[in-house]
Amino acid sequence: MSQSQILEHYGHSDFMLVILVCVVLILVTVLFHYEVLKGITLLLAKPRHGPRVRILYMVLGLTMLHTLEILIFAAGYKLLSLLDLGMLSGMPSEHFYYYFYYSAVSYTTLGFGDIIPLGPLKLLTAMEALLGLGFITWSASFTFLEMQKLWNVNKV
């Protein structure tokens, strides 16, 4: 499908619906990210375990958090595809695994290019890349601050 065919196929209301889905996914994932980081902070504040175990909890928690956020966006891609609001060209099948894979590539801003978004669904790809970059940076800052706390507490 060429760009002109895509624009002819989809109307303004289609793009507005995708924008609405993007806003909902942004709100859900930002609040989810915040709450999980808050929970990890509370978990790390309990000195039941040594600093190495607490760091492992933090890294595993952040990995699970990012994976769940990627799954949320993958569900968004699947939903938009089912609503005929775009498609992911180059996907070998409609298996959810490929939506997850595409979401992970977009979230991490790798952008391999083997799967290409077409139609209004492109907007979600752009928003996910922007949000993923922000979430990864937020998590890196969080990790730095938590490690700094642990290292300051355990100075000899």
N, C-alpha and C. Protein backbone atom coordinates (compact mmCIF):
# COMPACT_ATOMS: atom_id res chain seq x y z
N MET A 1 0.85 -1.17 0.00
CA MET A 1 0.00 0.00 0.00
C MET A 1 0.90 1.24 0.00
N SER A 2 0.70 2.13 -0.95
CA SER A 2 1.50 3.35 -1.03
C SER A 2 0.98 4.38 -0.02
N GLN A 3 1.76 5.44 0.16
CA GLN A 3 1.37 6.49 1.12
C GLN A 3 0.05 7.13 0.72
N SER A 4 -0.15 7.39 -0.57
CA SER A 4 -1.40 8.02 -1.00
C SER A 4 -2.60 7.08 -0.80
N GLN A 5 -2.39 5.78 -1.03
CA GLN A 5 -3.47 4.82 -0.79
C GLN A 5 -3.80 4.75 0.69
N ILE A 6 -2.78 4.83 1.54
CA ILE A 6 -3.01 4.80 2.99
C ILE A 6 -3.84 6.00 3.41
N LEU A 7 -3.48 7.19 2.92
CA LEU A 7 -4.22 8.39 3.28
C LEU A 7 -5.65 8.35 2.76
N GLU A 8 -5.86 7.73 1.59
CA GLU A 8 -7.21 7.59 1.05
C GLU A 8 -8.03 6.59 1.86
N HIS A 9 -7.38 5.55 2.35
CA HIS A 9 -8.07 4.48 3.07
C HIS A 9 -8.52 4.93 4.47
N TYR A 10 -7.72 5.73 5.13
CA TYR A 10 -8.01 6.14 6.51
C TYR A 10 -8.48 7.59 6.55
N GLY A 11 -9.47 7.84 7.39
CA GLY A 11 -9.97 9.20 7.55
C GLY A 11 -9.40 9.87 8.80
N HIS A 12 -9.79 11.11 8.98
CA HIS A 12 -9.32 11.86 10.15
C HIS A 12 -9.78 11.20 11.45
N SER A 13 -10.97 10.63 11.45
CA SER A 13 -11.48 9.98 12.67
C SER A 13 -10.61 8.77 13.04
N ASP A 14 -10.06 8.09 12.03
CA ASP A 14 -9.16 6.96 12.31
C ASP A 14 -7.91 7.45 13.04
N PHE A 15 -7.35 8.55 12.56
CA PHE A 15 -6.15 9.09 13.20
C PHE A 15 -6.47 9.58 14.61
N MET A 16 -7.65 10.18 14.78
CA MET A 16 -8.04 10.67 16.11
C MET A 16 -8.23 9.51 17.08
N LEU A 17 -8.77 8.40 16.61
CA LEU A 17 -8.93 7.22 17.46
C LEU A 17 -7.57 6.66 17.88
N VAL A 18 -6.62 6.64 16.96
CA VAL A 18 -5.28 6.17 17.29
C VAL A 18 -4.62 7.12 18.30
N ILE A 19 -4.82 8.41 18.14
CA ILE A 19 -4.29 9.38 19.10
C ILE A 19 -4.89 9.13 20.47
N LEU A 20 -6.18 8.85 20.53
CA LEU A 20 -6.84 8.54 21.80
C LEU A 20 -6.24 7.29 22.44
N VAL A 21 -6.02 6.25 21.64
CA VAL A 21 -5.39 5.02 22.15
C VAL A 21 -3.99 5.34 22.67
N CYS A 22 -3.25 6.17 21.94
CA CYS A 22 -1.90 6.56 22.38
C CYS A 22 -1.95 7.26 23.73
N VAL A 23 -2.87 8.20 23.88
CA VAL A 23 -2.99 8.94 25.15
C VAL A 23 -3.31 7.99 26.30
N VAL A 24 -4.24 7.07 26.08
CA VAL A 24 -4.60 6.10 27.12
C VAL A 24 -3.39 5.24 27.49
N LEU A 25 -2.67 4.73 26.49
CA LEU A 25 -1.50 3.89 26.77
C LEU A 25 -0.41 4.67 27.48
N ILE A 26 -0.23 5.94 27.11
CA ILE A 26 0.76 6.78 27.78
C ILE A 26 0.39 6.95 29.25
N LEU A 27 -0.87 7.30 29.51
CA LEU A 27 -1.31 7.50 30.89
C LEU A 27 -1.15 6.22 31.72
N VAL A 28 -1.59 5.11 31.16
CA VAL A 28 -1.51 3.83 31.87
C VAL A 28 -0.06 3.47 32.18
N THR A 29 0.82 3.57 31.18
CA THR A 29 2.20 3.13 31.40
C THR A 29 2.98 4.10 32.28
N VAL A 30 2.72 5.39 32.18
CA VAL A 30 3.43 6.33 33.07
C VAL A 30 3.03 6.10 34.52
N LEU A 31 1.73 5.95 34.77
CA LEU A 31 1.28 5.69 36.14
C LEU A 31 1.80 4.34 36.64
N PHE A 32 1.79 3.34 35.78
CA PHE A 32 2.30 2.01 36.12
C PHE A 32 3.79 2.09 36.45
N HIS A 33 4.55 2.79 35.62
CA HIS A 33 6.00 2.93 35.85
C HIS A 33 6.26 3.60 37.20
N TYR A 34 5.53 4.69 37.45
CA TYR A 34 5.69 5.41 38.71
C TYR A 34 5.40 4.52 39.91
N GLU A 35 4.26 3.81 39.87
CA GLU A 35 3.86 2.99 41.01
C GLU A 35 4.84 1.83 41.25
N VAL A 36 5.33 1.22 40.19
CA VAL A 36 6.29 0.12 40.37
C VAL A 36 7.60 0.66 40.94
N LEU A 37 8.07 1.80 40.44
CA LEU A 37 9.30 2.38 41.01
C LEU A 37 9.11 2.72 42.49
N LYS A 38 7.94 3.22 42.82
CA LYS A 38 7.63 3.52 44.23
C LYS A 38 7.67 2.23 45.05
N GLY A 39 7.09 1.16 44.52
CA GLY A 39 7.11 -0.13 45.21
C GLY A 39 8.52 -0.68 45.36
N ILE A 40 9.33 -0.56 44.33
CA ILE A 40 10.72 -1.03 44.42
C ILE A 40 11.47 -0.23 45.46
N THR A 41 11.21 1.08 45.54
CA THR A 41 11.86 1.92 46.55
C THR A 41 11.51 1.43 47.95
N LEU A 42 10.24 1.11 48.18
CA LEU A 42 9.82 0.61 49.49
C LEU A 42 10.46 -0.74 49.80
N LEU A 43 10.55 -1.60 48.79
CA LEU A 43 11.19 -2.91 48.97
C LEU A 43 12.67 -2.75 49.31
N LEU A 44 13.35 -1.84 48.64
CA LEU A 44 14.77 -1.65 48.88
C LEU A 44 15.06 -0.97 50.23
N ALA A 45 14.07 -0.26 50.75
CA ALA A 45 14.26 0.43 52.03
C ALA A 45 14.29 -0.55 53.20
N LYS A 46 13.76 -1.76 52.99
CA LYS A 46 13.77 -2.76 54.06
C LYS A 46 15.13 -3.46 54.05
N PRO A 47 15.88 -3.28 55.13
CA PRO A 47 17.25 -3.84 55.15
C PRO A 47 17.31 -5.33 55.52
N ARG A 48 16.36 -6.12 55.03
CA ARG A 48 16.37 -7.56 55.34
C ARG A 48 17.51 -8.28 54.63
N HIS A 49 17.91 -7.75 53.49
CA HIS A 49 18.93 -8.41 52.69
C HIS A 49 20.10 -7.46 52.50
N GLY A 50 21.23 -8.02 52.11
CA GLY A 50 22.41 -7.22 51.84
C GLY A 50 22.24 -6.41 50.56
N PRO A 51 23.19 -5.51 50.31
CA PRO A 51 23.07 -4.62 49.15
C PRO A 51 23.06 -5.36 47.80
N ARG A 52 23.78 -6.47 47.69
CA ARG A 52 23.82 -7.20 46.42
C ARG A 52 22.45 -7.80 46.09
N VAL A 53 21.80 -8.36 47.08
CA VAL A 53 20.47 -8.95 46.87
C VAL A 53 19.47 -7.85 46.55
N ARG A 54 19.59 -6.72 47.21
CA ARG A 54 18.68 -5.61 46.96
C ARG A 54 18.86 -5.06 45.54
N ILE A 55 20.10 -5.03 45.06
CA ILE A 55 20.36 -4.60 43.68
C ILE A 55 19.74 -5.60 42.70
N LEU A 56 19.86 -6.89 43.01
CA LEU A 56 19.24 -7.91 42.15
C LEU A 56 17.73 -7.73 42.09
N TYR A 57 17.11 -7.46 43.24
CA TYR A 57 15.67 -7.20 43.27
C TYR A 57 15.34 -6.01 42.36
N MET A 58 16.14 -4.97 42.46
CA MET A 58 15.88 -3.77 41.68
C MET A 58 16.00 -4.06 40.17
N VAL A 59 17.07 -4.72 39.78
CA VAL A 59 17.28 -4.99 38.35
C VAL A 59 16.20 -5.93 37.81
N LEU A 60 15.87 -6.97 38.57
CA LEU A 60 14.81 -7.89 38.14
C LEU A 60 13.46 -7.17 38.08
N GLY A 61 13.20 -6.34 39.06
CA GLY A 61 11.94 -5.57 39.07
C GLY A 61 11.85 -4.64 37.87
N LEU A 62 12.93 -3.95 37.55
CA LEU A 62 12.93 -3.04 36.40
C LEU A 62 12.79 -3.81 35.08
N THR A 63 13.43 -4.96 35.01
CA THR A 63 13.32 -5.78 33.79
C THR A 63 11.88 -6.24 33.59
N MET A 64 11.25 -6.70 34.67
CA MET A 64 9.85 -7.11 34.57
C MET A 64 8.95 -5.92 34.23
N LEU A 65 9.24 -4.76 34.81
CA LEU A 65 8.46 -3.56 34.54
C LEU A 65 8.51 -3.21 33.06
N HIS A 66 9.71 -3.15 32.50
CA HIS A 66 9.84 -2.80 31.08
C HIS A 66 9.18 -3.86 30.19
N THR A 67 9.30 -5.12 30.57
CA THR A 67 8.68 -6.19 29.79
C THR A 67 7.15 -6.05 29.79
N LEU A 68 6.59 -5.72 30.94
CA LEU A 68 5.13 -5.54 31.02
C LEU A 68 4.68 -4.31 30.21
N GLU A 69 5.49 -3.26 30.23
CA GLU A 69 5.15 -2.08 29.44
C GLU A 69 5.20 -2.40 27.94
N ILE A 70 6.18 -3.19 27.53
CA ILE A 70 6.26 -3.63 26.14
C ILE A 70 5.03 -4.46 25.79
N LEU A 71 4.59 -5.32 26.71
CA LEU A 71 3.38 -6.12 26.48
C LEU A 71 2.14 -5.24 26.33
N ILE A 72 2.06 -4.19 27.13
CA ILE A 72 0.92 -3.26 27.05
C ILE A 72 0.88 -2.62 25.67
N PHE A 73 2.03 -2.17 25.18
CA PHE A 73 2.07 -1.57 23.84
C PHE A 73 1.80 -2.61 22.76
N ALA A 74 2.28 -3.83 22.95
CA ALA A 74 2.01 -4.90 21.98
C ALA A 74 0.51 -5.13 21.87
N ALA A 75 -0.19 -5.11 23.01
CA ALA A 75 -1.64 -5.24 23.00
C ALA A 75 -2.28 -4.08 22.25
N GLY A 76 -1.71 -2.89 22.38
CA GLY A 76 -2.20 -1.73 21.63
C GLY A 76 -2.06 -1.92 20.13
N TYR A 77 -0.91 -2.45 19.69
CA TYR A 77 -0.72 -2.72 18.26
C TYR A 77 -1.73 -3.76 17.77
N LYS A 78 -1.91 -4.80 18.55
CA LYS A 78 -2.86 -5.85 18.17
C LYS A 78 -4.28 -5.27 18.06
N LEU A 79 -4.67 -4.47 19.05
CA LEU A 79 -5.99 -3.84 19.05
C LEU A 79 -6.18 -2.96 17.81
N LEU A 80 -5.19 -2.11 17.53
CA LEU A 80 -5.32 -1.21 16.38
C LEU A 80 -5.37 -1.99 15.07
N SER A 81 -4.63 -3.09 15.01
CA SER A 81 -4.68 -3.94 13.81
C SER A 81 -6.05 -4.58 13.65
N LEU A 82 -6.61 -5.06 14.76
CA LEU A 82 -7.95 -5.67 14.70
C LEU A 82 -9.02 -4.66 14.31
N LEU A 83 -8.82 -3.40 14.71
CA LEU A 83 -9.78 -2.34 14.37
C LEU A 83 -9.52 -1.77 12.98
N ASP A 84 -8.59 -2.37 12.24
CA ASP A 84 -8.21 -1.92 10.89
C ASP A 84 -7.76 -0.46 10.89
N LEU A 85 -6.93 -0.11 11.89
CA LEU A 85 -6.38 1.24 11.97
C LEU A 85 -4.90 1.25 11.63
N GLY A 86 -4.51 0.36 10.78
CA GLY A 86 -3.13 0.24 10.35
C GLY A 86 -2.71 -1.21 10.41
N MET A 87 -1.50 -1.43 9.97
CA MET A 87 -0.98 -2.80 9.98
C MET A 87 0.52 -2.77 10.14
N LEU A 88 1.07 -3.91 10.50
CA LEU A 88 2.51 -4.06 10.61
C LEU A 88 2.95 -4.93 9.44
N SER A 89 3.50 -4.28 8.44
CA SER A 89 3.93 -4.97 7.23
C SER A 89 5.23 -5.72 7.48
N GLY A 90 5.30 -6.95 7.00
CA GLY A 90 6.51 -7.75 7.15
C GLY A 90 6.44 -8.74 8.29
N MET A 91 5.31 -8.77 9.00
CA MET A 91 5.17 -9.75 10.08
C MET A 91 4.93 -11.12 9.48
N PRO A 92 5.68 -12.13 9.93
CA PRO A 92 5.50 -13.48 9.39
C PRO A 92 4.12 -14.07 9.67
N SER A 93 3.50 -13.67 10.80
CA SER A 93 2.16 -14.15 11.13
C SER A 93 1.52 -13.16 12.10
N GLU A 94 0.27 -13.41 12.43
CA GLU A 94 -0.46 -12.56 13.37
C GLU A 94 -0.29 -13.04 14.81
N HIS A 95 0.63 -13.94 15.05
CA HIS A 95 0.87 -14.44 16.40
C HIS A 95 1.29 -13.27 17.29
N PHE A 96 0.81 -13.27 18.54
CA PHE A 96 1.09 -12.16 19.45
C PHE A 96 2.59 -11.97 19.67
N TYR A 97 3.36 -13.04 19.54
CA TYR A 97 4.81 -12.93 19.70
C TYR A 97 5.38 -11.84 18.81
N TYR A 98 4.91 -11.72 17.58
CA TYR A 98 5.45 -10.74 16.64
C TYR A 98 5.06 -9.31 17.02
N TYR A 99 3.87 -9.16 17.61
CA TYR A 99 3.50 -7.84 18.13
C TYR A 99 4.42 -7.47 19.30
N PHE A 100 4.70 -8.46 20.15
CA PHE A 100 5.61 -8.22 21.28
C PHE A 100 7.01 -7.88 20.77
N TYR A 101 7.48 -8.62 19.79
CA TYR A 101 8.81 -8.36 19.21
C TYR A 101 8.87 -6.94 18.63
N TYR A 102 7.86 -6.58 17.83
CA TYR A 102 7.86 -5.24 17.24
C TYR A 102 7.80 -4.17 18.32
N SER A 103 7.00 -4.40 19.34
CA SER A 103 6.90 -3.46 20.44
C SER A 103 8.24 -3.29 21.16
N ALA A 104 8.94 -4.39 21.38
CA ALA A 104 10.25 -4.33 22.05
C ALA A 104 11.26 -3.57 21.20
N VAL A 105 11.23 -3.79 19.90
CA VAL A 105 12.15 -3.08 19.00
C VAL A 105 11.84 -1.58 18.99
N SER A 106 10.56 -1.24 19.05
CA SER A 106 10.16 0.17 19.07
C SER A 106 10.48 0.80 20.43
N TYR A 107 10.13 0.11 21.51
CA TYR A 107 10.31 0.61 22.88
C TYR A 107 11.78 0.93 23.15
N THR A 108 12.66 0.06 22.69
CA THR A 108 14.09 0.24 22.94
C THR A 108 14.75 1.11 21.88
N THR A 109 13.98 1.60 20.95
CA THR A 109 14.42 2.45 19.83
C THR A 109 15.48 1.77 18.97
N LEU A 110 15.47 0.44 18.90
CA LEU A 110 16.40 -0.27 18.02
C LEU A 110 16.05 -0.03 16.55
N GLY A 111 14.77 -0.15 16.22
CA GLY A 111 14.31 0.12 14.87
C GLY A 111 14.96 -0.73 13.80
N PHE A 112 14.88 -2.04 13.93
CA PHE A 112 15.50 -2.93 12.95
C PHE A 112 14.98 -2.71 11.54
N GLY A 113 13.70 -2.48 11.37
CA GLY A 113 13.13 -2.23 10.06
C GLY A 113 12.60 -3.45 9.34
N ASP A 114 12.62 -4.61 10.00
CA ASP A 114 12.07 -5.80 9.36
C ASP A 114 10.55 -5.81 9.37
N ILE A 115 9.96 -5.12 10.33
CA ILE A 115 8.51 -4.94 10.39
C ILE A 115 8.25 -3.44 10.31
N ILE A 116 7.35 -3.04 9.41
CA ILE A 116 7.14 -1.62 9.15
C ILE A 116 5.68 -1.26 9.43
N PRO A 117 5.45 -0.23 10.27
CA PRO A 117 4.06 0.18 10.53
C PRO A 117 3.49 0.96 9.35
N LEU A 118 2.23 0.70 9.04
CA LEU A 118 1.53 1.42 7.98
C LEU A 118 0.23 1.98 8.53
N GLY A 119 -0.16 3.12 8.03
CA GLY A 119 -1.41 3.73 8.43
C GLY A 119 -1.29 4.48 9.75
N PRO A 120 -2.42 4.81 10.34
CA PRO A 120 -2.43 5.58 11.59
C PRO A 120 -1.66 4.90 12.72
N LEU A 121 -1.51 3.59 12.65
CA LEU A 121 -0.78 2.84 13.67
C LEU A 121 0.66 3.36 13.84
N LYS A 122 1.18 4.04 12.82
CA LYS A 122 2.53 4.62 12.90
C LYS A 122 2.66 5.56 14.10
N LEU A 123 1.56 6.24 14.42
CA LEU A 123 1.60 7.18 15.54
C LEU A 123 1.95 6.48 16.86
N LEU A 124 1.40 5.28 17.04
CA LEU A 124 1.69 4.52 18.26
C LEU A 124 3.17 4.14 18.30
N THR A 125 3.73 3.80 17.15
CA THR A 125 5.15 3.45 17.09
C THR A 125 6.01 4.63 17.54
N ALA A 126 5.69 5.82 17.05
CA ALA A 126 6.45 7.01 17.43
C ALA A 126 6.32 7.30 18.92
N MET A 127 5.11 7.19 19.44
CA MET A 127 4.89 7.46 20.87
C MET A 127 5.59 6.42 21.74
N GLU A 128 5.55 5.17 21.31
CA GLU A 128 6.22 4.13 22.11
C GLU A 128 7.72 4.35 22.14
N ALA A 129 8.31 4.71 21.03
CA ALA A 129 9.75 4.95 21.00
C ALA A 129 10.12 6.11 21.93
N LEU A 130 9.34 7.17 21.88
CA LEU A 130 9.58 8.33 22.75
C LEU A 130 9.42 7.94 24.22
N LEU A 131 8.36 7.22 24.53
CA LEU A 131 8.10 6.81 25.91
C LEU A 131 9.12 5.79 26.40
N GLY A 132 9.45 4.83 25.54
CA GLY A 132 10.44 3.82 25.92
C GLY A 132 11.77 4.46 26.27
N LEU A 133 12.20 5.41 25.46
CA LEU A 133 13.45 6.12 25.74
C LEU A 133 13.36 6.82 27.09
N GLY A 134 12.22 7.46 27.33
CA GLY A 134 12.04 8.14 28.61
C GLY A 134 12.01 7.17 29.79
N PHE A 135 11.33 6.04 29.63
CA PHE A 135 11.25 5.06 30.71
C PHE A 135 12.61 4.42 31.00
N ILE A 136 13.37 4.14 29.97
CA ILE A 136 14.70 3.55 30.17
C ILE A 136 15.60 4.55 30.88
N THR A 137 15.51 5.81 30.50
CA THR A 137 16.30 6.85 31.16
C THR A 137 15.85 7.03 32.61
N TRP A 138 14.56 7.03 32.84
CA TRP A 138 14.00 7.16 34.18
C TRP A 138 14.50 6.00 35.05
N SER A 139 14.48 4.80 34.51
CA SER A 139 14.95 3.62 35.25
C SER A 139 16.44 3.68 35.52
N ALA A 140 17.21 4.19 34.57
CA ALA A 140 18.66 4.32 34.77
C ALA A 140 18.95 5.33 35.88
N SER A 141 18.22 6.43 35.88
CA SER A 141 18.39 7.43 36.94
C SER A 141 18.00 6.86 38.30
N PHE A 142 16.90 6.12 38.31
CA PHE A 142 16.42 5.47 39.53
C PHE A 142 17.49 4.49 40.04
N THR A 143 18.05 3.70 39.15
CA THR A 143 19.09 2.73 39.53
C THR A 143 20.29 3.45 40.12
N PHE A 144 20.73 4.51 39.48
CA PHE A 144 21.87 5.28 39.99
C PHE A 144 21.59 5.80 41.40
N LEU A 145 20.42 6.39 41.60
CA LEU A 145 20.10 6.96 42.91
C LEU A 145 19.99 5.87 43.99
N GLU A 146 19.39 4.75 43.65
CA GLU A 146 19.26 3.66 44.64
C GLU A 146 20.62 3.05 44.96
N MET A 147 21.45 2.88 43.97
CA MET A 147 22.79 2.33 44.23
C MET A 147 23.62 3.31 45.06
N GLN A 148 23.45 4.58 44.79
CA GLN A 148 24.15 5.60 45.57
C GLN A 148 23.75 5.52 47.04
N LYS A 149 22.45 5.32 47.30
CA LYS A 149 21.98 5.17 48.68
C LYS A 149 22.61 3.94 49.34
N LEU A 150 22.61 2.83 48.61
CA LEU A 150 23.17 1.59 49.17
C LEU A 150 24.66 1.73 49.42
N TRP A 151 25.37 2.36 48.53
CA TRP A 151 26.82 2.48 48.71
C TRP A 151 27.15 3.48 49.83
N ASN A 152 26.36 4.53 49.99
CA ASN A 152 26.60 5.49 51.07
C ASN A 152 26.32 4.87 52.43
N VAL A 153 25.31 4.03 52.52
CA VAL A 153 24.93 3.38 53.77
C VAL A 153 26.01 2.38 54.19
N ASN A 154 26.63 1.74 53.24
CA ASN A 154 27.57 0.66 53.53
C ASN A 154 29.04 1.08 53.43
N LYS A 155 29.32 2.39 53.49
CA LYS A 155 30.71 2.84 53.45
C LYS A 155 31.43 2.41 54.73
N VAL A 156 32.68 2.04 54.57
CA VAL A 156 33.48 1.63 55.73
C VAL A 156 34.40 2.74 56.12
